[in-house]
C-alpha atoms as a PDB file:
ATOM      1  CA  MET A   1     -20.395  -8.818  14.792  1.00  0.00           C
ATOM      2  CA  SER A   2     -24.137  -8.333  15.143  1.00  0.00           C
ATOM      3  CA  SER A   3     -26.367 -11.104  13.788  1.00  0.00           C
ATOM      4  CA  SER A   4     -27.767  -8.787  11.109  1.00  0.00           C
ATOM      5  CA  ASN A   5     -24.275  -7.819   9.963  1.00  0.00           C
ATOM      6  CA  GLU A   6     -23.230 -11.470   9.929  1.00  0.00           C
ATOM      7  CA  LEU A   7     -26.008 -12.284   7.472  1.00  0.00           C
ATOM      8  CA  ARG A   8     -25.178  -9.209   5.368  1.00  0.00           C
ATOM      9  CA  PHE A   9     -21.512 -10.168   5.329  1.00  0.00           C
ATOM     10  CA  GLN A  10     -22.237 -13.699   4.180  1.00  0.00           C
ATOM     11  CA  LYS A  11     -24.356 -12.309   1.345  1.00  0.00           C
ATOM     12  CA  LEU A  12     -21.622  -9.835   0.405  1.00  0.00           C
ATOM     13  CA  ILE A  13     -18.904 -12.479   0.324  1.00  0.00           C
ATOM     14  CA  GLN A  14     -20.980 -15.097  -1.482  1.00  0.00           C
ATOM     15  CA  GLY A  15     -22.182 -12.596  -4.071  1.00  0.00           C
ATOM     16  CA  ASN A  16     -18.753 -12.053  -5.603  1.00  0.00           C
ATOM     17  CA  ARG A  17     -16.275 -14.816  -6.408  1.00  0.00           C
ATOM     18  CA  PHE A  18     -13.215 -12.624  -5.827  1.00  0.00           C
ATOM     19  CA  PHE A  19     -14.474 -11.571  -2.395  1.00  0.00           C
ATOM     20  CA  GLU A  20     -15.282 -15.184  -1.520  1.00  0.00           C
ATOM     21  CA  VAL A  21     -11.869 -16.537  -2.508  1.00  0.00           C
ATOM     22  CA  GLN A  22      -9.946 -13.737  -0.801  1.00  0.00           C
ATOM     23  CA  HIS A  23     -11.876 -13.936   2.450  1.00  0.00           C
ATOM     24  CA  ASP A  24     -11.748 -17.736   2.576  1.00  0.00           C
ATOM     25  CA  SER A  25      -7.982 -17.558   2.076  1.00  0.00           C
ATOM     26  CA  LEU A  26      -7.680 -15.075   4.925  1.00  0.00           C
ATOM     27  CA  ILE A  27      -9.507 -17.167   7.493  1.00  0.00           C
ATOM     28  CA  GLU A  28      -8.356 -20.606   6.340  1.00  0.00           C
ATOM     29  CA  GLN A  29      -4.644 -19.968   5.851  1.00  0.00           C
ATOM     30  CA  HIS A  30      -3.929 -17.572   8.715  1.00  0.00           C
ATOM     31  CA  ASP A  31      -4.385 -17.243  12.445  1.00  0.00           C
ATOM     32  CA  VAL A  32      -7.059 -14.558  12.675  1.00  0.00           C
ATOM     33  CA  ASP A  33      -8.356 -12.923  15.831  1.00  0.00           C
ATOM     34  CA  GLN A  34     -12.101 -13.268  15.350  1.00  0.00           C
ATOM     35  CA  SER A  35     -12.941 -10.413  17.721  1.00  0.00           C
ATOM     36  CA  VAL A  36     -10.777  -8.026  15.682  1.00  0.00           C
ATOM     37  CA  LEU A  37     -12.192  -9.319  12.399  1.00  0.00           C
ATOM     38  CA  ARG A  38     -15.764  -8.863  13.646  1.00  0.00           C
ATOM     39  CA  ALA A  39     -14.962  -5.299  14.704  1.00  0.00           C
ATOM     40  CA  LEU A  40     -13.493  -4.512  11.269  1.00  0.00           C
ATOM     41  CA  ILE A  41     -16.579  -5.880   9.532  1.00  0.00           C
ATOM     42  CA  ASP A  42     -18.987  -4.023  11.830  1.00  0.00           C
ATOM     43  CA  TYR A  43     -17.208  -0.752  11.108  1.00  0.00           C
ATOM     44  CA  PHE A  44     -17.281  -1.476   7.378  1.00  0.00           C
ATOM     45  CA  PHE A  45     -21.070  -1.813   7.472  1.00  0.00           C
ATOM     46  CA  CYS A  46     -21.374   1.327   9.548  1.00  0.00           C
ATOM     47  CA  TYR A  47     -19.545   3.187   6.774  1.00  0.00           C
ATOM     48  CA  VAL A  48     -21.587   1.466   4.053  1.00  0.00           C
ATOM     49  CA  ASP A  49     -24.886   2.339   5.738  1.00  0.00           C
ATOM     50  CA  HIS A  50     -23.896   5.971   6.194  1.00  0.00           C
ATOM     51  CA  HIS A  51     -23.287   6.260   2.455  1.00  0.00           C
ATOM     52  CA  SER A  52     -26.268   4.070   1.442  1.00  0.00           C
ATOM     53  CA  LEU A  53     -24.123   1.712  -0.632  1.00  0.00           C
ATOM     54  CA  THR A  54     -25.398  -1.499  -2.194  1.00  0.00           C
ATOM     55  CA  ASN A  55     -23.319  -4.653  -2.602  1.00  0.00           C
ATOM     56  CA  ASP A  56     -22.999  -3.863  -6.306  1.00  0.00           C
ATOM     57  CA  ASP A  57     -21.637  -0.405  -5.403  1.00  0.00           C
ATOM     58  CA  ILE A  58     -19.062  -2.076  -3.167  1.00  0.00           C
ATOM     59  CA  TYR A  59     -17.975  -4.589  -5.831  1.00  0.00           C
ATOM     60  CA  GLU A  60     -17.710  -1.841  -8.451  1.00  0.00           C
ATOM     61  CA  LYS A  61     -15.604   0.469  -6.289  1.00  0.00           C
ATOM     62  CA  HIS A  62     -13.317  -2.356  -5.213  1.00  0.00           C
ATOM     63  CA  LEU A  63     -12.723  -3.567  -8.777  1.00  0.00           C
ATOM     64  CA  ALA A  64     -12.021  -0.024 -10.008  1.00  0.00           C
ATOM     65  CA  PHE A  65      -9.555   0.455  -7.177  1.00  0.00           C
ATOM     66  CA  LEU A  66      -7.753  -2.805  -7.995  1.00  0.00           C
ATOM     67  CA  HIS A  67      -7.314  -1.785 -11.633  1.00  0.00           C
ATOM     68  CA  GLU A  68      -5.809   1.549 -10.608  1.00  0.00           C
ATOM     69  CA  TYR A  69      -3.738  -0.040  -7.842  1.00  0.00           C
ATOM     70  CA  SER A  70      -2.220  -2.531 -10.302  1.00  0.00           C
ATOM     71  CA  ALA A  71      -1.084   0.346 -12.502  1.00  0.00           C
ATOM     72  CA  HIS A  72       0.407   2.139  -9.495  1.00  0.00           C
ATOM     73  CA  VAL A  73       2.247  -1.001  -8.367  1.00  0.00           C
ATOM     74  CA  LYS A  74       3.749  -1.349 -11.836  1.00  0.00           C
ATOM     75  CA  LEU A  75       4.822   2.295 -11.733  1.00  0.00           C
ATOM     76  CA  PHE A  76       6.365   1.811  -8.289  1.00  0.00           C
ATOM     77  CA  ALA A  77       8.256  -1.286  -9.412  1.00  0.00           C
ATOM     78  CA  GLU A  78       9.692   0.597 -12.379  1.00  0.00           C
ATOM     79  CA  SER A  79      10.462   3.951 -10.755  1.00  0.00           C
ATOM     80  CA  ASN A  80      10.369   3.406  -6.968  1.00  0.00           C
ATOM     81  CA  ALA A  81       7.965   6.356  -6.880  1.00  0.00           C
ATOM     82  CA  TYR A  82       4.407   6.833  -5.733  1.00  0.00           C
ATOM     83  CA  PRO A  83       1.940   8.337  -8.248  1.00  0.00           C
ATOM     84  CA  HIS A  84       2.088  11.807  -6.681  1.00  0.00           C
ATOM     85  CA  GLU A  85       5.892  11.698  -6.891  1.00  0.00           C
ATOM     86  CA  SER A  86       5.590  11.068 -10.633  1.00  0.00           C
ATOM     87  CA  GLY A  87       3.223  13.959 -11.172  1.00  0.00           C
ATOM     88  CA  ILE A  88       0.093  11.823 -11.540  1.00  0.00           C
ATOM     89  CA  VAL A  89      -3.023  13.645 -10.343  1.00  0.00           C
ATOM     90  CA  ILE A  90      -5.612  11.355  -8.748  1.00  0.00           C
ATOM     91  CA  THR A  91      -9.168  12.601  -9.176  1.00  0.00           C
ATOM     92  CA  LYS A  92     -11.169   9.857  -7.465  1.00  0.00           C
ATOM     93  CA  SER A  93     -13.408  10.826  -4.562  1.00  0.00           C
ATOM     94  CA  ARG A  94     -12.587   9.892  -0.982  1.00  0.00           C
ATOM     95  CA  ILE A  95     -15.311   7.247  -0.882  1.00  0.00           C
ATOM     96  CA  ASP A  96     -13.836   5.517  -3.942  1.00  0.00           C
ATOM     97  CA  TYR A  97     -10.743   4.833  -1.840  1.00  0.00           C
ATOM     98  CA  ASP A  98     -12.350   4.337   1.547  1.00  0.00           C
ATOM     99  CA  VAL A  99     -14.557   1.452   0.456  1.00  0.00           C
ATOM    100  CA  PRO A 100     -11.724  -0.685  -1.003  1.00  0.00           C
ATOM    101  CA  LEU A 101      -9.479   0.143   1.955  1.00  0.00           C
ATOM    102  CA  LEU A 102     -12.130  -1.056   4.375  1.00  0.00           C
ATOM    103  CA  CYS A 103     -12.859  -4.132   2.249  1.00  0.00           C
ATOM    104  CA  SER A 104      -9.178  -5.020   2.260  1.00  0.00           C
ATOM    105  CA  THR A 105      -9.210  -5.424   6.053  1.00  0.00           C
ATOM    106  CA  PHE A 106     -11.255  -8.611   5.650  1.00  0.00           C
ATOM    107  CA  LEU A 107      -9.946  -9.655   2.203  1.00  0.00           C
ATOM    108  CA  SER A 108      -6.184  -9.139   2.518  1.00  0.00           C
ATOM    109  CA  TYR A 109      -4.092 -10.680   5.289  1.00  0.00           C
ATOM    110  CA  PRO A 110      -1.380  -7.957   5.251  1.00  0.00           C
ATOM    111  CA  ARG A 111      -4.055  -5.268   5.621  1.00  0.00           C
ATOM    112  CA  TYR A 112      -5.846  -7.232   8.334  1.00  0.00           C
ATOM    113  CA  CYS A 113      -2.524  -7.641  10.171  1.00  0.00           C
ATOM    114  CA  ILE A 114      -1.972  -3.882  10.325  1.00  0.00           C
ATOM    115  CA  PHE A 115      -5.075  -3.414  12.427  1.00  0.00           C
ATOM    116  CA  GLU A 116      -4.815  -6.622  14.443  1.00  0.00           C
ATOM    117  CA  THR A 117      -1.276  -5.594  15.438  1.00  0.00           C
ATOM    118  CA  PHE A 118      -2.441  -2.057  16.170  1.00  0.00           C
ATOM    119  CA  VAL A 119      -5.178  -3.310  18.516  1.00  0.00           C
ATOM    120  CA  ARG A 120      -2.717  -5.578  20.303  1.00  0.00           C
ATOM    121  CA  ARG A 121       0.141  -3.098  20.694  1.00  0.00           C
ATOM    122  CA  CYS A 122      -1.590   0.225  21.281  1.00  0.00           C
ATOM    123  CA  ASN A 123      -1.853   0.090  25.057  1.00  0.00           C
ATOM    124  CA  THR A 124      -3.264   3.264  26.513  1.00  0.00           C
ATOM    125  CA  GLY A 125      -5.132   4.362  29.595  1.00  0.00           C
ATOM    126  CA  LEU A 126      -8.585   5.842  29.150  1.00  0.00           C
ATOM    127  CA  THR A 127      -7.390   9.381  29.863  1.00  0.00           C
ATOM    128  CA  ASP A 128      -3.979   9.137  28.180  1.00  0.00           C
ATOM    129  CA  GLY A 129      -3.508  11.454  25.230  1.00  0.00           C
ATOM    130  CA  VAL A 130      -3.601   9.810  21.794  1.00  0.00           C
ATOM    131  CA  LEU A 131      -2.686  11.612  18.574  1.00  0.00           C
ATOM    132  CA  VAL A 132      -3.948  10.260  15.241  1.00  0.00           C
ATOM    133  CA  ILE A 133      -2.384  11.820  12.156  1.00  0.00           C
ATOM    134  CA  GLY A 134      -4.327  10.935   9.028  1.00  0.00           C
ATOM    135  CA  VAL A 135      -7.997  10.159   9.717  1.00  0.00           C
ATOM    136  CA  SER A 136      -8.685   8.405   6.388  1.00  0.00           C
ATOM    137  CA  THR A 137     -11.627   5.996   6.879  1.00  0.00           C
ATOM    138  CA  GLY A 138     -11.727   6.613  10.634  1.00  0.00           C
ATOM    139  CA  LEU A 139     -10.965   2.975  11.365  1.00  0.00           C
ATOM    140  CA  GLU A 140      -8.132   3.748  13.794  1.00  0.00           C
ATOM    141  CA  LEU A 141     -10.477   6.008  15.748  1.00  0.00           C
ATOM    142  CA  PHE A 142     -13.046   3.233  15.916  1.00  0.00           C
ATOM    143  CA  LEU A 143     -10.500   0.769  17.285  1.00  0.00           C
ATOM    144  CA  LEU A 144      -9.301   3.337  19.826  1.00  0.00           C
ATOM    145  CA  GLN A 145     -12.625   4.613  21.097  1.00  0.00           C
ATOM    146  CA  GLU A 146     -12.992   2.075  23.904  1.00  0.00           C
ATOM    147  CA  LYS A 147      -9.352   2.444  24.924  1.00  0.00           C
ATOM    148  CA  ALA A 148      -8.990   6.200  25.086  1.00  0.00           C
ATOM    149  CA  SER A 149     -11.236   9.209  25.649  1.00  0.00           C
ATOM    150  CA  ASN A 150      -8.616  11.881  24.965  1.00  0.00           C
ATOM    151  CA  ILE A 151      -8.009  11.666  21.199  1.00  0.00           C
ATOM    152  CA  LEU A 152      -6.778  14.426  18.908  1.00  0.00           C
ATOM    153  CA  ALA A 153      -6.991  13.720  15.159  1.00  0.00           C
ATOM    154  CA  PHE A 154      -5.397  15.673  12.313  1.00  0.00           C
ATOM    155  CA  ASP A 155      -6.094  15.478   8.595  1.00  0.00           C
ATOM    156  CA  THR A 156      -6.251  17.969   5.754  1.00  0.00           C
ATOM    157  CA  GLN A 157      -9.715  16.660   4.861  1.00  0.00           C
ATOM    158  CA  ILE A 158     -12.121  15.257   7.443  1.00  0.00           C
ATOM    159  CA  GLY A 159     -15.480  14.028   6.199  1.00  0.00           C
ATOM    160  CA  ASN A 160     -18.862  14.321   7.868  1.00  0.00           C
ATOM    161  CA  PHE A 161     -18.932  10.582   8.536  1.00  0.00           C
ATOM    162  CA  ALA A 162     -15.919  10.704  10.867  1.00  0.00           C
ATOM    163  CA  ARG A 163     -17.188  13.801  12.662  1.00  0.00           C
ATOM    164  CA  GLN A 164     -20.614  12.233  13.223  1.00  0.00           C
ATOM    165  CA  GLN A 165     -19.241   8.835  14.175  1.00  0.00           C
ATOM    166  CA  PHE A 166     -16.724  10.159  16.706  1.00  0.00           C
ATOM    167  CA  PRO A 167     -18.213  13.237  18.401  1.00  0.00           C
ATOM    168  CA  ASN A 168     -15.783  12.989  21.320  1.00  0.00           C
ATOM    169  CA  VAL A 169     -12.683  13.181  19.148  1.00  0.00           C
ATOM    170  CA  ALA A 170     -11.036  16.604  18.831  1.00  0.00           C
ATOM    171  CA  PHE A 171     -10.579  17.031  15.075  1.00  0.00           C
ATOM    172  CA  SER A 172      -8.228  19.487  13.423  1.00  0.00           C
ATOM    173  CA  GLU A 173      -8.573  19.858   9.661  1.00  0.00           C
ATOM    174  CA  SER A 174      -4.990  20.900   9.042  1.00  0.00           C
ATOM    175  CA  PRO A 175      -1.509  19.404   8.710  1.00  0.00           C
ATOM    176  CA  PHE A 176       0.016  18.381  12.032  1.00  0.00           C
ATOM    177  CA  SER A 177       2.930  20.342  13.454  1.00  0.00           C
ATOM    178  CA  PHE A 178       4.682  20.223  16.808  1.00  0.00           C
ATOM    179  CA  ASN A 179       3.035  22.056  19.698  1.00  0.00           C
ATOM    180  CA  PRO A 180       5.238  22.233  22.828  1.00  0.00           C
ATOM    181  CA  HIS A 181       2.108  22.302  25.004  1.00  0.00           C
ATOM    182  CA  GLN A 182       0.821  18.944  23.740  1.00  0.00           C
ATOM    183  CA  GLN A 183       2.352  15.577  24.606  1.00  0.00           C
ATOM    184  CA  PHE A 184       0.926  12.149  23.796  1.00  0.00           C
ATOM    185  CA  LYS A 185       1.423   8.614  25.073  1.00  0.00           C
ATOM    186  CA  ASN A 186       0.499   7.111  21.695  1.00  0.00           C
ATOM    187  CA  ILE A 187       0.855   8.594  18.215  1.00  0.00           C
ATOM    188  CA  VAL A 188      -0.747   6.805  15.260  1.00  0.00           C
ATOM    189  CA  MET A 189       0.198   7.195  11.573  1.00  0.00           C
ATOM    190  CA  ILE A 190      -1.171   4.323   9.491  1.00  0.00           C
ATOM    191  CA  GLU A 191      -0.296   4.254   5.766  1.00  0.00           C
ATOM    192  CA  LEU A 192       0.525   7.950   5.733  1.00  0.00           C
ATOM    193  CA  LEU A 193       4.267   8.612   5.485  1.00  0.00           C
ATOM    194  CA  GLU A 194       4.680   7.272   1.954  1.00  0.00           C
ATOM    195  CA  HIS A 195       2.241   9.895   0.681  1.00  0.00           C
ATOM    196  CA  LEU A 196       4.163  12.870   2.070  1.00  0.00           C
ATOM    197  CA  ALA A 197       6.763  14.943   0.262  1.00  0.00           C
ATOM    198  CA  GLU A 198       8.767  15.363   3.504  1.00  0.00           C
ATOM    199  CA  PRO A 199       7.949  12.452   5.841  1.00  0.00           C
ATOM    200  CA  ILE A 200      11.039  13.060   7.989  1.00  0.00           C
ATOM    201  CA  VAL A 201       9.661  16.463   9.017  1.00  0.00           C
ATOM    202  CA  LEU A 202       6.494  14.813  10.318  1.00  0.00           C
ATOM    203  CA  LEU A 203       8.440  12.063  12.098  1.00  0.00           C
ATOM    204  CA  VAL A 204      10.594  14.628  13.884  1.00  0.00           C
ATOM    205  CA  ASP A 205       7.513  16.590  14.984  1.00  0.00           C
ATOM    206  CA  ALA A 206       5.892  13.366  16.166  1.00  0.00           C
ATOM    207  CA  MET A 207       8.963  12.364  18.162  1.00  0.00           C
ATOM    208  CA  LYS A 208       9.023  15.762  19.864  1.00  0.00           C
ATOM    209  CA  SER A 209       5.314  15.327  20.708  1.00  0.00           C
ATOM    210  CA  LEU A 210       5.795  11.939  22.380  1.00  0.00           C
ATOM    211  CA  ARG A 211       5.676  11.555  26.126  1.00  0.00           C
ATOM    212  CA  VAL A 212       8.538   9.756  27.831  1.00  0.00           C
ATOM    213  CA  GLY A 213       7.797   6.048  27.561  1.00  0.00           C
ATOM    214  CA  GLY A 214       5.249   6.590  24.808  1.00  0.00           C
ATOM    215  CA  SER A 215       4.953   4.839  21.446  1.00  0.00           C
ATOM    216  CA  ILE A 216       4.581   5.792  17.797  1.00  0.00           C
ATOM    217  CA  HIS A 217       2.557   3.338  15.726  1.00  0.00           C
ATOM    218  CA  PHE A 218       3.099   3.693  12.000  1.00  0.00           C
ATOM    219  CA  THR A 219       3.201   1.684   8.809  1.00  0.00           C
ATOM    220  CA  THR A 220       4.831   2.557   5.516  1.00  0.00           C
ATOM    221  CA  VAL A 221       6.159   0.927   2.385  1.00  0.00           C
ATOM    222  CA  ASN A 222       9.529  -0.850   2.401  1.00  0.00           C
ATOM    223  CA  ARG A 223      11.475   0.698  -0.466  1.00  0.00           C
ATOM    224  CA  GLY A 224      14.495  -1.518   0.150  1.00  0.00           C
END
């Protein structure tokens, strides 16, 4: 983390009691890779600066997200269904989700673990093909950029921030489907499958797109 971002982060954490308690719990109760944590925080501020967000903007978006998330968790517990499966239409903007998702990487140990594990397990040569399905905040691309130069990323909506931040990534603003002429050593799908109506279709296409000896890195909810 740069020295300027370190000072900004301290101010952000100390300016909100919830942020302070959550972050202190993360670093005091768990074994955290500081290099990964610094990278997550640096990327967070890169996103914040691009959108000219203040600390108050960040707190407000995170709190609003938590209120909505609590309602969705209750719904899931009662029906075993995600909001879209219950016919709930979500009208929030992309940034209203991106900011809390990025905050959670340094406030929530389970969320931090997703990306720490991803960094540790996604072994790829610089020229090996990597497929990212679901760009979201662009965080996976950020963590991959020093490991791989041949990255193809699919999403139905790709914002200007991701395109500007990762000019060497080949973006495709469309759903992913199998192409027999494309094979990848690593395929990445973080927090995506649970939002799809037919996740098995995507998994099958991903398996067919995997090189021999390659790996698929994905996370999803445990409905068991």
